[in-house]
Structure formats: C-alpha cells, structure tokens
Amino acid sequence: MITEVNAVNFRQNLGEMLNQVQYRNDSIVISKDGKPVAALVDAELFGRIRRMRERFDQLTGRIAEAFADVPADEGLAAIDALVADERGKR
C-alpha cells in the first residue's frame, strides 16, 4: 500500500511510518507544499530500484556509444521507427 503524508505529519509519526514500511512493506510518499518530494520504501525494494537504475544507465550508455557518430535527428528518427515497429507487433 502507498500512503501519502505531508512532511509535518511524517515527522510527527516517524516511528509508526517506519513500522508500516518495515513490517507491512508499505511505501510512504512525503509531500511538502502539496508536492511529492521523497518516498520511504523498504530496503529490499530500494536495492532493486538501485540495481534497475544501474542497468538502465548501462543500457543508455551503450546506446549513446552506438549512436555517437550519428547526427541527433537521424538517431532519434531511427529509435522512433524501431519503437513504432515494436508497438505495431502487439
């Protein structure tokens, strides 16, 4: 479950919020001035998110290397065409 709280409420109920995350695997979205600014998630989920981000960074780096000698507009057009082809297969 995802709970949304403002920063003041979060600060006042930190212990309870930690228990929600630790024991119920909930996530807490913390907002300030009505805008989300942070999230509290369990450590296992955070680890998975970090690994996914590392993989994403590696993949985007490989794509950037592969298209390094291609003008930006041509590279973007090629990527758009591939995406359109894949979406058409569904």
PDB file of N, CA and C in Angstrom:
ATOM      1  N   MET A   1       0.838  -1.174   0.000  1.00  0.00           N
ATOM      2  CA  MET A   1       0.000   0.000   0.000  1.00  0.00           C
ATOM      3  C   MET A   1       0.888   1.243   0.000  1.00  0.00           C
ATOM      4  N   ILE A   2       0.443   2.271  -0.689  1.00  0.00           N
ATOM      5  CA  ILE A   2       1.175   3.530  -0.729  1.00  0.00           C
ATOM      6  C   ILE A   2       0.379   4.564   0.053  1.00  0.00           C
ATOM      7  N   THR A   3       1.036   5.183   1.026  1.00  0.00           N
ATOM      8  CA  THR A   3       0.423   6.209   1.843  1.00  0.00           C
ATOM      9  C   THR A   3       1.065   7.543   1.503  1.00  0.00           C
ATOM     10  N   GLU A   4       0.265   8.571   1.386  1.00  0.00           N
ATOM     11  CA  GLU A   4       0.788   9.905   1.130  1.00  0.00           C
ATOM     12  C   GLU A   4       0.584  10.753   2.376  1.00  0.00           C
ATOM     13  N   VAL A   5       1.669  11.398   2.821  1.00  0.00           N
ATOM     14  CA  VAL A   5       1.602  12.259   4.007  1.00  0.00           C
ATOM     15  C   VAL A   5       2.386  13.539   3.741  1.00  0.00           C
ATOM     16  N   ASN A   6       2.043  14.581   4.489  1.00  0.00           N
ATOM     17  CA  ASN A   6       2.849  15.794   4.380  1.00  0.00           C
ATOM     18  C   ASN A   6       4.044  15.682   5.329  1.00  0.00           C
ATOM     19  N   ALA A   7       5.015  16.540   5.137  1.00  0.00           N
ATOM     20  CA  ALA A   7       6.272  16.450   5.887  1.00  0.00           C
ATOM     21  C   ALA A   7       6.061  16.583   7.391  1.00  0.00           C
ATOM     22  N   VAL A   8       5.160  17.458   7.799  1.00  0.00           N
ATOM     23  CA  VAL A   8       4.909  17.653   9.237  1.00  0.00           C
ATOM     24  C   VAL A   8       4.328  16.380   9.839  1.00  0.00           C
ATOM     25  N   ASN A   9       3.338  15.796   9.188  1.00  0.00           N
ATOM     26  CA  ASN A   9       2.725  14.553   9.667  1.00  0.00           C
ATOM     27  C   ASN A   9       3.766  13.439   9.708  1.00  0.00           C
ATOM     28  N   PHE A  10       4.596  13.374   8.673  1.00  0.00           N
ATOM     29  CA  PHE A  10       5.644  12.347   8.632  1.00  0.00           C
ATOM     30  C   PHE A  10       6.589  12.496   9.824  1.00  0.00           C
ATOM     31  N   ARG A  11       7.035  13.715  10.060  1.00  0.00           N
ATOM     32  CA  ARG A  11       7.967  13.973  11.162  1.00  0.00           C
ATOM     33  C   ARG A  11       7.329  13.600  12.509  1.00  0.00           C
ATOM     34  N   GLN A  12       6.056  13.912  12.684  1.00  0.00           N
ATOM     35  CA  GLN A  12       5.376  13.637  13.946  1.00  0.00           C
ATOM     36  C   GLN A  12       5.119  12.149  14.160  1.00  0.00           C
ATOM     37  N   ASN A  13       5.063  11.379  13.070  1.00  0.00           N
ATOM     38  CA  ASN A  13       4.716   9.958  13.170  1.00  0.00           C
ATOM     39  C   ASN A  13       5.799   9.058  12.587  1.00  0.00           C
ATOM     40  N   LEU A  14       7.036   9.482  12.670  1.00  0.00           N
ATOM     41  CA  LEU A  14       8.136   8.764  12.038  1.00  0.00           C
ATOM     42  C   LEU A  14       8.209   7.306  12.482  1.00  0.00           C
ATOM     43  N   GLY A  15       8.116   7.032  13.767  1.00  0.00           N
ATOM     44  CA  GLY A  15       8.204   5.655  14.259  1.00  0.00           C
ATOM     45  C   GLY A  15       7.124   4.772  13.672  1.00  0.00           C
ATOM     46  N   GLU A  16       5.907   5.262  13.648  1.00  0.00           N
ATOM     47  CA  GLU A  16       4.789   4.497  13.085  1.00  0.00           C
ATOM     48  C   GLU A  16       4.994   4.258  11.583  1.00  0.00           C
ATOM     49  N   MET A  17       5.492   5.288  10.896  1.00  0.00           N
ATOM     50  CA  MET A  17       5.724   5.162   9.460  1.00  0.00           C
ATOM     51  C   MET A  17       6.824   4.136   9.173  1.00  0.00           C
ATOM     52  N   LEU A  18       7.874   4.142   9.964  1.00  0.00           N
ATOM     53  CA  LEU A  18       8.934   3.143   9.800  1.00  0.00           C
ATOM     54  C   LEU A  18       8.384   1.735   9.989  1.00  0.00           C
ATOM     55  N   ASN A  19       7.515   1.566  10.972  1.00  0.00           N
ATOM     56  CA  ASN A  19       6.898   0.249  11.199  1.00  0.00           C
ATOM     57  C   ASN A  19       6.043  -0.175  10.010  1.00  0.00           C
ATOM     58  N   GLN A  20       5.297   0.767   9.423  1.00  0.00           N
ATOM     59  CA  GLN A  20       4.478   0.451   8.250  1.00  0.00           C
ATOM     60  C   GLN A  20       5.361  -0.063   7.114  1.00  0.00           C
ATOM     61  N   VAL A  21       6.483   0.584   6.922  1.00  0.00           N
ATOM     62  CA  VAL A  21       7.377   0.196   5.831  1.00  0.00           C
ATOM     63  C   VAL A  21       8.060  -1.131   6.149  1.00  0.00           C
ATOM     64  N   GLN A  22       8.540  -1.274   7.375  1.00  0.00           N
ATOM     65  CA  GLN A  22       9.298  -2.474   7.741  1.00  0.00           C
ATOM     66  C   GLN A  22       8.426  -3.718   7.834  1.00  0.00           C
ATOM     67  N   TYR A  23       7.289  -3.613   8.470  1.00  0.00           N
ATOM     68  CA  TYR A  23       6.509  -4.814   8.766  1.00  0.00           C
ATOM     69  C   TYR A  23       5.372  -5.075   7.777  1.00  0.00           C
ATOM     70  N   ARG A  24       4.883  -4.029   7.116  1.00  0.00           N
ATOM     71  CA  ARG A  24       3.771  -4.222   6.179  1.00  0.00           C
ATOM     72  C   ARG A  24       4.199  -4.005   4.727  1.00  0.00           C
ATOM     73  N   ASN A  25       5.469  -3.677   4.539  1.00  0.00           N
ATOM     74  CA  ASN A  25       6.008  -3.396   3.195  1.00  0.00           C
ATOM     75  C   ASN A  25       5.252  -2.284   2.484  1.00  0.00           C
ATOM     76  N   ASP A  26       4.713  -1.347   3.256  1.00  0.00           N
ATOM     77  CA  ASP A  26       4.071  -0.179   2.664  1.00  0.00           C
ATOM     78  C   ASP A  26       5.142   0.774   2.160  1.00  0.00           C
ATOM     79  N   SER A  27       4.728   1.724   1.367  1.00  0.00           N
ATOM     80  CA  SER A  27       5.594   2.813   0.926  1.00  0.00           C
ATOM     81  C   SER A  27       4.935   4.114   1.343  1.00  0.00           C
ATOM     82  N   ILE A  28       5.747   5.100   1.689  1.00  0.00           N
ATOM     83  CA  ILE A  28       5.240   6.397   2.123  1.00  0.00           C
ATOM     84  C   ILE A  28       5.755   7.463   1.164  1.00  0.00           C
ATOM     85  N   VAL A  29       4.854   8.236   0.593  1.00  0.00           N
ATOM     86  CA  VAL A  29       5.230   9.374  -0.238  1.00  0.00           C
ATOM     87  C   VAL A  29       5.077  10.612   0.625  1.00  0.00           C
ATOM     88  N   ILE A  30       6.151  11.383   0.740  1.00  0.00           N
ATOM     89  CA  ILE A  30       6.177  12.558   1.610  1.00  0.00           C
ATOM     90  C   ILE A  30       6.089  13.804   0.738  1.00  0.00           C
ATOM     91  N   SER A  31       5.130  14.662   1.053  1.00  0.00           N
ATOM     92  CA  SER A  31       4.953  15.874   0.263  1.00  0.00           C
ATOM     93  C   SER A  31       5.244  17.109   1.101  1.00  0.00           C
ATOM     94  N   LYS A  32       5.638  18.146   0.400  1.00  0.00           N
ATOM     95  CA  LYS A  32       5.892  19.441   1.029  1.00  0.00           C
ATOM     96  C   LYS A  32       5.239  20.485   0.145  1.00  0.00           C
ATOM     97  N   ASP A  33       4.428  21.326   0.742  1.00  0.00           N
ATOM     98  CA  ASP A  33       3.670  22.327  -0.005  1.00  0.00           C
ATOM     99  C   ASP A  33       2.827  21.681  -1.096  1.00  0.00           C
ATOM    100  N   GLY A  34       2.299  20.486  -0.815  1.00  0.00           N
ATOM    101  CA  GLY A  34       1.418  19.797  -1.737  1.00  0.00           C
ATOM    102  C   GLY A  34       2.106  19.057  -2.870  1.00  0.00           C
ATOM    103  N   LYS A  35       3.439  19.059  -2.889  1.00  0.00           N
ATOM    104  CA  LYS A  35       4.182  18.389  -3.956  1.00  0.00           C
ATOM    105  C   LYS A  35       5.007  17.250  -3.376  1.00  0.00           C
ATOM    106  N   PRO A  36       4.996  16.067  -4.022  1.00  0.00           N
ATOM    107  CA  PRO A  36       5.815  14.958  -3.524  1.00  0.00           C
ATOM    108  C   PRO A  36       7.306  15.295  -3.637  1.00  0.00           C
ATOM    109  N   VAL A  37       8.038  15.068  -2.544  1.00  0.00           N
ATOM    110  CA  VAL A  37       9.473  15.389  -2.532  1.00  0.00           C
ATOM    111  C   VAL A  37      10.349  14.190  -2.188  1.00  0.00           C
ATOM    112  N   ALA A  38       9.765  13.162  -1.595  1.00  0.00           N
ATOM    113  CA  ALA A  38      10.556  11.998  -1.190  1.00  0.00           C
ATOM    114  C   ALA A  38       9.633  10.806  -0.989  1.00  0.00           C
ATOM    115  N   ALA A  39      10.260   9.633  -0.910  1.00  0.00           N
ATOM    116  CA  ALA A  39       9.496   8.417  -0.632  1.00  0.00           C
ATOM    117  C   ALA A  39      10.289   7.554   0.329  1.00  0.00           C
ATOM    118  N   LEU A  40       9.589   6.901   1.206  1.00  0.00           N
ATOM    119  CA  LEU A  40      10.197   5.955   2.144  1.00  0.00           C
ATOM    120  C   LEU A  40       9.732   4.568   1.728  1.00  0.00           C
ATOM    121  N   VAL A  41      10.689   3.731   1.341  1.00  0.00           N
ATOM    122  CA  VAL A  41      10.386   2.368   0.914  1.00  0.00           C
ATOM    123  C   VAL A  41      11.273   1.415   1.695  1.00  0.00           C
ATOM    124  N   ASP A  42      10.885   0.128   1.733  1.00  0.00           N
ATOM    125  CA  ASP A  42      11.701  -0.834   2.459  1.00  0.00           C
ATOM    126  C   ASP A  42      13.035  -1.034   1.745  1.00  0.00           C
ATOM    127  N   ALA A  43      14.027  -1.448   2.488  1.00  0.00           N
ATOM    128  CA  ALA A  43      15.396  -1.549   1.981  1.00  0.00           C
ATOM    129  C   ALA A  43      15.522  -2.516   0.812  1.00  0.00           C
ATOM    130  N   GLU A  44      14.764  -3.592   0.808  1.00  0.00           N
ATOM    131  CA  GLU A  44      14.827  -4.564  -0.292  1.00  0.00           C
ATOM    132  C   GLU A  44      14.351  -3.928  -1.599  1.00  0.00           C
ATOM    133  N   LEU A  45      13.246  -3.214  -1.547  1.00  0.00           N
ATOM    134  CA  LEU A  45      12.741  -2.529  -2.736  1.00  0.00           C
ATOM    135  C   LEU A  45      13.733  -1.475  -3.206  1.00  0.00           C
ATOM    136  N   PHE A  46      14.302  -0.738  -2.271  1.00  0.00           N
ATOM    137  CA  PHE A  46      15.286   0.275  -2.641  1.00  0.00           C
ATOM    138  C   PHE A  46      16.480  -0.360  -3.355  1.00  0.00           C
ATOM    139  N   GLY A  47      16.924  -1.518  -2.882  1.00  0.00           N
ATOM    140  CA  GLY A  47      18.023  -2.227  -3.532  1.00  0.00           C
ATOM    141  C   GLY A  47      17.671  -2.618  -4.959  1.00  0.00           C
ATOM    142  N   ARG A  48      16.445  -3.100  -5.166  1.00  0.00           N
ATOM    143  CA  ARG A  48      16.009  -3.465  -6.522  1.00  0.00           C
ATOM    144  C   ARG A  48      15.956  -2.246  -7.422  1.00  0.00           C
ATOM    145  N   ILE A  49      15.472  -1.135  -6.894  1.00  0.00           N
ATOM    146  CA  ILE A  49      15.403   0.100  -7.669  1.00  0.00           C
ATOM    147  C   ILE A  49      16.811   0.542  -8.079  1.00  0.00           C
ATOM    148  N   ARG A  50      17.752   0.468  -7.156  1.00  0.00           N
ATOM    149  CA  ARG A  50      19.133   0.856  -7.470  1.00  0.00           C
ATOM    150  C   ARG A  50      19.720  -0.034  -8.561  1.00  0.00           C
ATOM    151  N   ARG A  51      19.488  -1.344  -8.472  1.00  0.00           N
ATOM    152  CA  ARG A  51      20.018  -2.252  -9.499  1.00  0.00           C
ATOM    153  C   ARG A  51      19.387  -1.968 -10.860  1.00  0.00           C
ATOM    154  N   MET A  52      18.091  -1.696 -10.872  1.00  0.00           N
ATOM    155  CA  MET A  52      17.422  -1.375 -12.133  1.00  0.00           C
ATOM    156  C   MET A  52      17.979  -0.087 -12.721  1.00  0.00           C
ATOM    157  N   ARG A  53      18.228   0.886 -11.873  1.00  0.00           N
ATOM    158  CA  ARG A  53      18.780   2.150 -12.365  1.00  0.00           C
ATOM    159  C   ARG A  53      20.182   1.947 -12.926  1.00  0.00           C
ATOM    160  N   GLU A  54      20.991   1.131 -12.262  1.00  0.00           N
ATOM    161  CA  GLU A  54      22.331   0.842 -12.763  1.00  0.00           C
ATOM    162  C   GLU A  54      22.260   0.167 -14.130  1.00  0.00           C
ATOM    163  N   ARG A  55      21.357  -0.795 -14.287  1.00  0.00           N
ATOM    164  CA  ARG A  55      21.188  -1.461 -15.587  1.00  0.00           C
ATOM    165  C   ARG A  55      20.722  -0.478 -16.655  1.00  0.00           C
ATOM    166  N   PHE A  56      19.784   0.383 -16.286  1.00  0.00           N
ATOM    167  CA  PHE A  56      19.290   1.388 -17.220  1.00  0.00           C
ATOM    168  C   PHE A  56      20.422   2.311 -17.656  1.00  0.00           C
ATOM    169  N   ASP A  57      21.239   2.759 -16.705  1.00  0.00           N
ATOM    170  CA  ASP A  57      22.370   3.623 -17.039  1.00  0.00           C
ATOM    171  C   ASP A  57      23.350   2.920 -17.964  1.00  0.00           C
ATOM    172  N   GLN A  58      23.594   1.631 -17.729  1.00  0.00           N
ATOM    173  CA  GLN A  58      24.489   0.875 -18.606  1.00  0.00           C
ATOM    174  C   GLN A  58      23.917   0.784 -20.018  1.00  0.00           C
ATOM    175  N   LEU A  59      22.632   0.476 -20.116  1.00  0.00           N
ATOM    176  CA  LEU A  59      21.995   0.364 -21.436  1.00  0.00           C
ATOM    177  C   LEU A  59      21.993   1.695 -22.178  1.00  0.00           C
ATOM    178  N   THR A  60      21.663   2.774 -21.490  1.00  0.00           N
ATOM    179  CA  THR A  60      21.647   4.063 -22.175  1.00  0.00           C
ATOM    180  C   THR A  60      23.057   4.476 -22.579  1.00  0.00           C
ATOM    181  N   GLY A  61      24.051   4.082 -21.800  1.00  0.00           N
ATOM    182  CA  GLY A  61      25.435   4.351 -22.179  1.00  0.00           C
ATOM    183  C   GLY A  61      25.817   3.605 -23.448  1.00  0.00           C
ATOM    184  N   ARG A  62      25.397   2.341 -23.533  1.00  0.00           N
ATOM    185  CA  ARG A  62      25.676   1.550 -24.741  1.00  0.00           C
ATOM    186  C   ARG A  62      24.973   2.131 -25.960  1.00  0.00           C
ATOM    187  N   ILE A  63      23.755   2.591 -25.783  1.00  0.00           N
ATOM    188  CA  ILE A  63      23.029   3.207 -26.895  1.00  0.00           C
ATOM    189  C   ILE A  63      23.732   4.496 -27.321  1.00  0.00           C
ATOM    190  N   ALA A  64      24.151   5.302 -26.349  1.00  0.00           N
ATOM    191  CA  ALA A  64      24.844   6.552 -26.678  1.00  0.00           C
ATOM    192  C   ALA A  64      26.126   6.274 -27.450  1.00  0.00           C
ATOM    193  N   GLU A  65      26.864   5.240 -27.049  1.00  0.00           N
ATOM    194  CA  GLU A  65      28.091   4.869 -27.768  1.00  0.00           C
ATOM    195  C   GLU A  65      27.768   4.420 -29.194  1.00  0.00           C
ATOM    196  N   ALA A  66      26.734   3.621 -29.343  1.00  0.00           N
ATOM    197  CA  ALA A  66      26.376   3.092 -30.654  1.00  0.00           C
ATOM    198  C   ALA A  66      25.950   4.201 -31.614  1.00  0.00           C
ATOM    199  N   PHE A  67      25.349   5.256 -31.086  1.00  0.00           N
ATOM    200  CA  PHE A  67      24.867   6.345 -31.921  1.00  0.00           C
ATOM    201  C   PHE A  67      25.775   7.576 -31.866  1.00  0.00           C
ATOM    202  N   ALA A  68      26.977   7.437 -31.328  1.00  0.00           N
ATOM    203  CA  ALA A  68      27.865   8.585 -31.139  1.00  0.00           C
ATOM    204  C   ALA A  68      28.186   9.303 -32.442  1.00  0.00           C
ATOM    205  N   ASP A  69      28.325   8.575 -33.527  1.00  0.00           N
ATOM    206  CA  ASP A  69      28.692   9.185 -34.804  1.00  0.00           C
ATOM    207  C   ASP A  69      27.494   9.531 -35.672  1.00  0.00           C
ATOM    208  N   VAL A  70      26.300   9.354 -35.146  1.00  0.00           N
ATOM    209  CA  VAL A  70      25.079   9.611 -35.911  1.00  0.00           C
ATOM    210  C   VAL A  70      24.515  10.963 -35.469  1.00  0.00           C
ATOM    211  N   PRO A  71      24.158  11.835 -36.418  1.00  0.00           N
ATOM    212  CA  PRO A  71      23.526  13.103 -36.027  1.00  0.00           C
ATOM    213  C   PRO A  71      22.281  12.844 -35.181  1.00  0.00           C
ATOM    214  N   ALA A  72      22.039  13.708 -34.218  1.00  0.00           N
ATOM    215  CA  ALA A  72      20.956  13.503 -33.240  1.00  0.00           C
ATOM    216  C   ALA A  72      19.610  13.276 -33.910  1.00  0.00           C
ATOM    217  N   ASP A  73      19.254  14.075 -34.908  1.00  0.00           N
ATOM    218  CA  ASP A  73      17.936  13.919 -35.523  1.00  0.00           C
ATOM    219  C   ASP A  73      17.802  12.579 -36.245  1.00  0.00           C
ATOM    220  N   GLU A  74      18.878  12.088 -36.850  1.00  0.00           N
ATOM    221  CA  GLU A  74      18.837  10.773 -37.507  1.00  0.00           C
ATOM    222  C   GLU A  74      18.721   9.654 -36.475  1.00  0.00           C
ATOM    223  N   GLY A  75      19.457   9.772 -35.389  1.00  0.00           N
ATOM    224  CA  GLY A  75      19.396   8.755 -34.335  1.00  0.00           C
ATOM    225  C   GLY A  75      18.018   8.677 -33.707  1.00  0.00           C
ATOM    226  N   LEU A  76      17.437   9.836 -33.419  1.00  0.00           N
ATOM    227  CA  LEU A  76      16.099   9.858 -32.830  1.00  0.00           C
ATOM    228  C   LEU A  76      15.065   9.292 -33.804  1.00  0.00           C
ATOM    229  N   ALA A  77      15.228   9.597 -35.091  1.00  0.00           N
ATOM    230  CA  ALA A  77      14.300   9.058 -36.090  1.00  0.00           C
ATOM    231  C   ALA A  77      14.409   7.535 -36.146  1.00  0.00           C
ATOM    232  N   ALA A  78      15.632   7.003 -36.068  1.00  0.00           N
ATOM    233  CA  ALA A  78      15.824   5.547 -36.093  1.00  0.00           C
ATOM    234  C   ALA A  78      15.202   4.902 -34.863  1.00  0.00           C
ATOM    235  N   ILE A  79      15.387   5.518 -33.716  1.00  0.00           N
ATOM    236  CA  ILE A  79      14.805   4.981 -32.479  1.00  0.00           C
ATOM    237  C   ILE A  79      13.279   5.023 -32.563  1.00  0.00           C
ATOM    238  N   ASP A  80      12.718   6.144 -33.029  1.00  0.00           N
ATOM    239  CA  ASP A  80      11.260   6.259 -33.163  1.00  0.00           C
ATOM    240  C   ASP A  80      10.695   5.195 -34.098  1.00  0.00           C
ATOM    241  N   ALA A  81      11.413   4.927 -35.192  1.00  0.00           N
ATOM    242  CA  ALA A  81      10.957   3.910 -36.143  1.00  0.00           C
ATOM    243  C   ALA A  81      10.962   2.525 -35.514  1.00  0.00           C
ATOM    244  N   LEU A  82      12.002   2.203 -34.760  1.00  0.00           N
ATOM    245  CA  LEU A  82      12.073   0.902 -34.090  1.00  0.00           C
ATOM    246  C   LEU A  82      10.962   0.745 -33.057  1.00  0.00           C
ATOM    247  N   VAL A  83      10.721   1.813 -32.305  1.00  0.00           N
ATOM    248  CA  VAL A  83       9.651   1.766 -31.298  1.00  0.00           C
ATOM    249  C   VAL A  83       8.308   1.565 -31.989  1.00  0.00           C
ATOM    250  N   ALA A  84       8.061   2.285 -33.073  1.00  0.00           N
ATOM    251  CA  ALA A  84       6.796   2.141 -33.803  1.00  0.00           C
ATOM    252  C   ALA A  84       6.633   0.718 -34.339  1.00  0.00           C
ATOM    253  N   ASP A  85       7.730   0.145 -34.842  1.00  0.00           N
ATOM    254  CA  ASP A  85       7.664  -1.241 -35.330  1.00  0.00           C
ATOM    255  C   ASP A  85       7.291  -2.200 -34.212  1.00  0.00           C
ATOM    256  N   GLU A  86       7.925  -2.041 -33.059  1.00  0.00           N
ATOM    257  CA  GLU A  86       7.640  -2.934 -31.925  1.00  0.00           C
ATOM    258  C   GLU A  86       6.202  -2.771 -31.436  1.00  0.00           C
ATOM    259  N   ARG A  87       5.732  -1.557 -31.388  1.00  0.00           N
ATOM    260  CA  ARG A  87       4.346  -1.324 -30.932  1.00  0.00           C
ATOM    261  C   ARG A  87       3.346  -1.891 -31.922  1.00  0.00           C
ATOM    262  N   GLY A  88       3.692  -1.900 -33.200  1.00  0.00           N
ATOM    263  CA  GLY A  88       2.815  -2.460 -34.226  1.00  0.00           C
ATOM    264  C   GLY A  88       2.682  -3.969 -34.144  1.00  0.00           C
ATOM    265  N   LYS A  89       3.622  -4.638 -33.484  1.00  0.00           N
ATOM    266  CA  LYS A  89       3.594  -6.102 -33.352  1.00  0.00           C
ATOM    267  C   LYS A  89       2.626  -6.575 -32.291  1.00  0.00           C
ATOM    268  N   ARG A  90       2.134  -5.679 -31.493  1.00  0.00           N
ATOM    269  CA  ARG A  90       1.243  -6.064 -30.375  1.00  0.00           C
ATOM    270  C   ARG A  90      -0.175  -6.156 -30.816  1.00  0.00           C
TER     271      ARG A  90
END
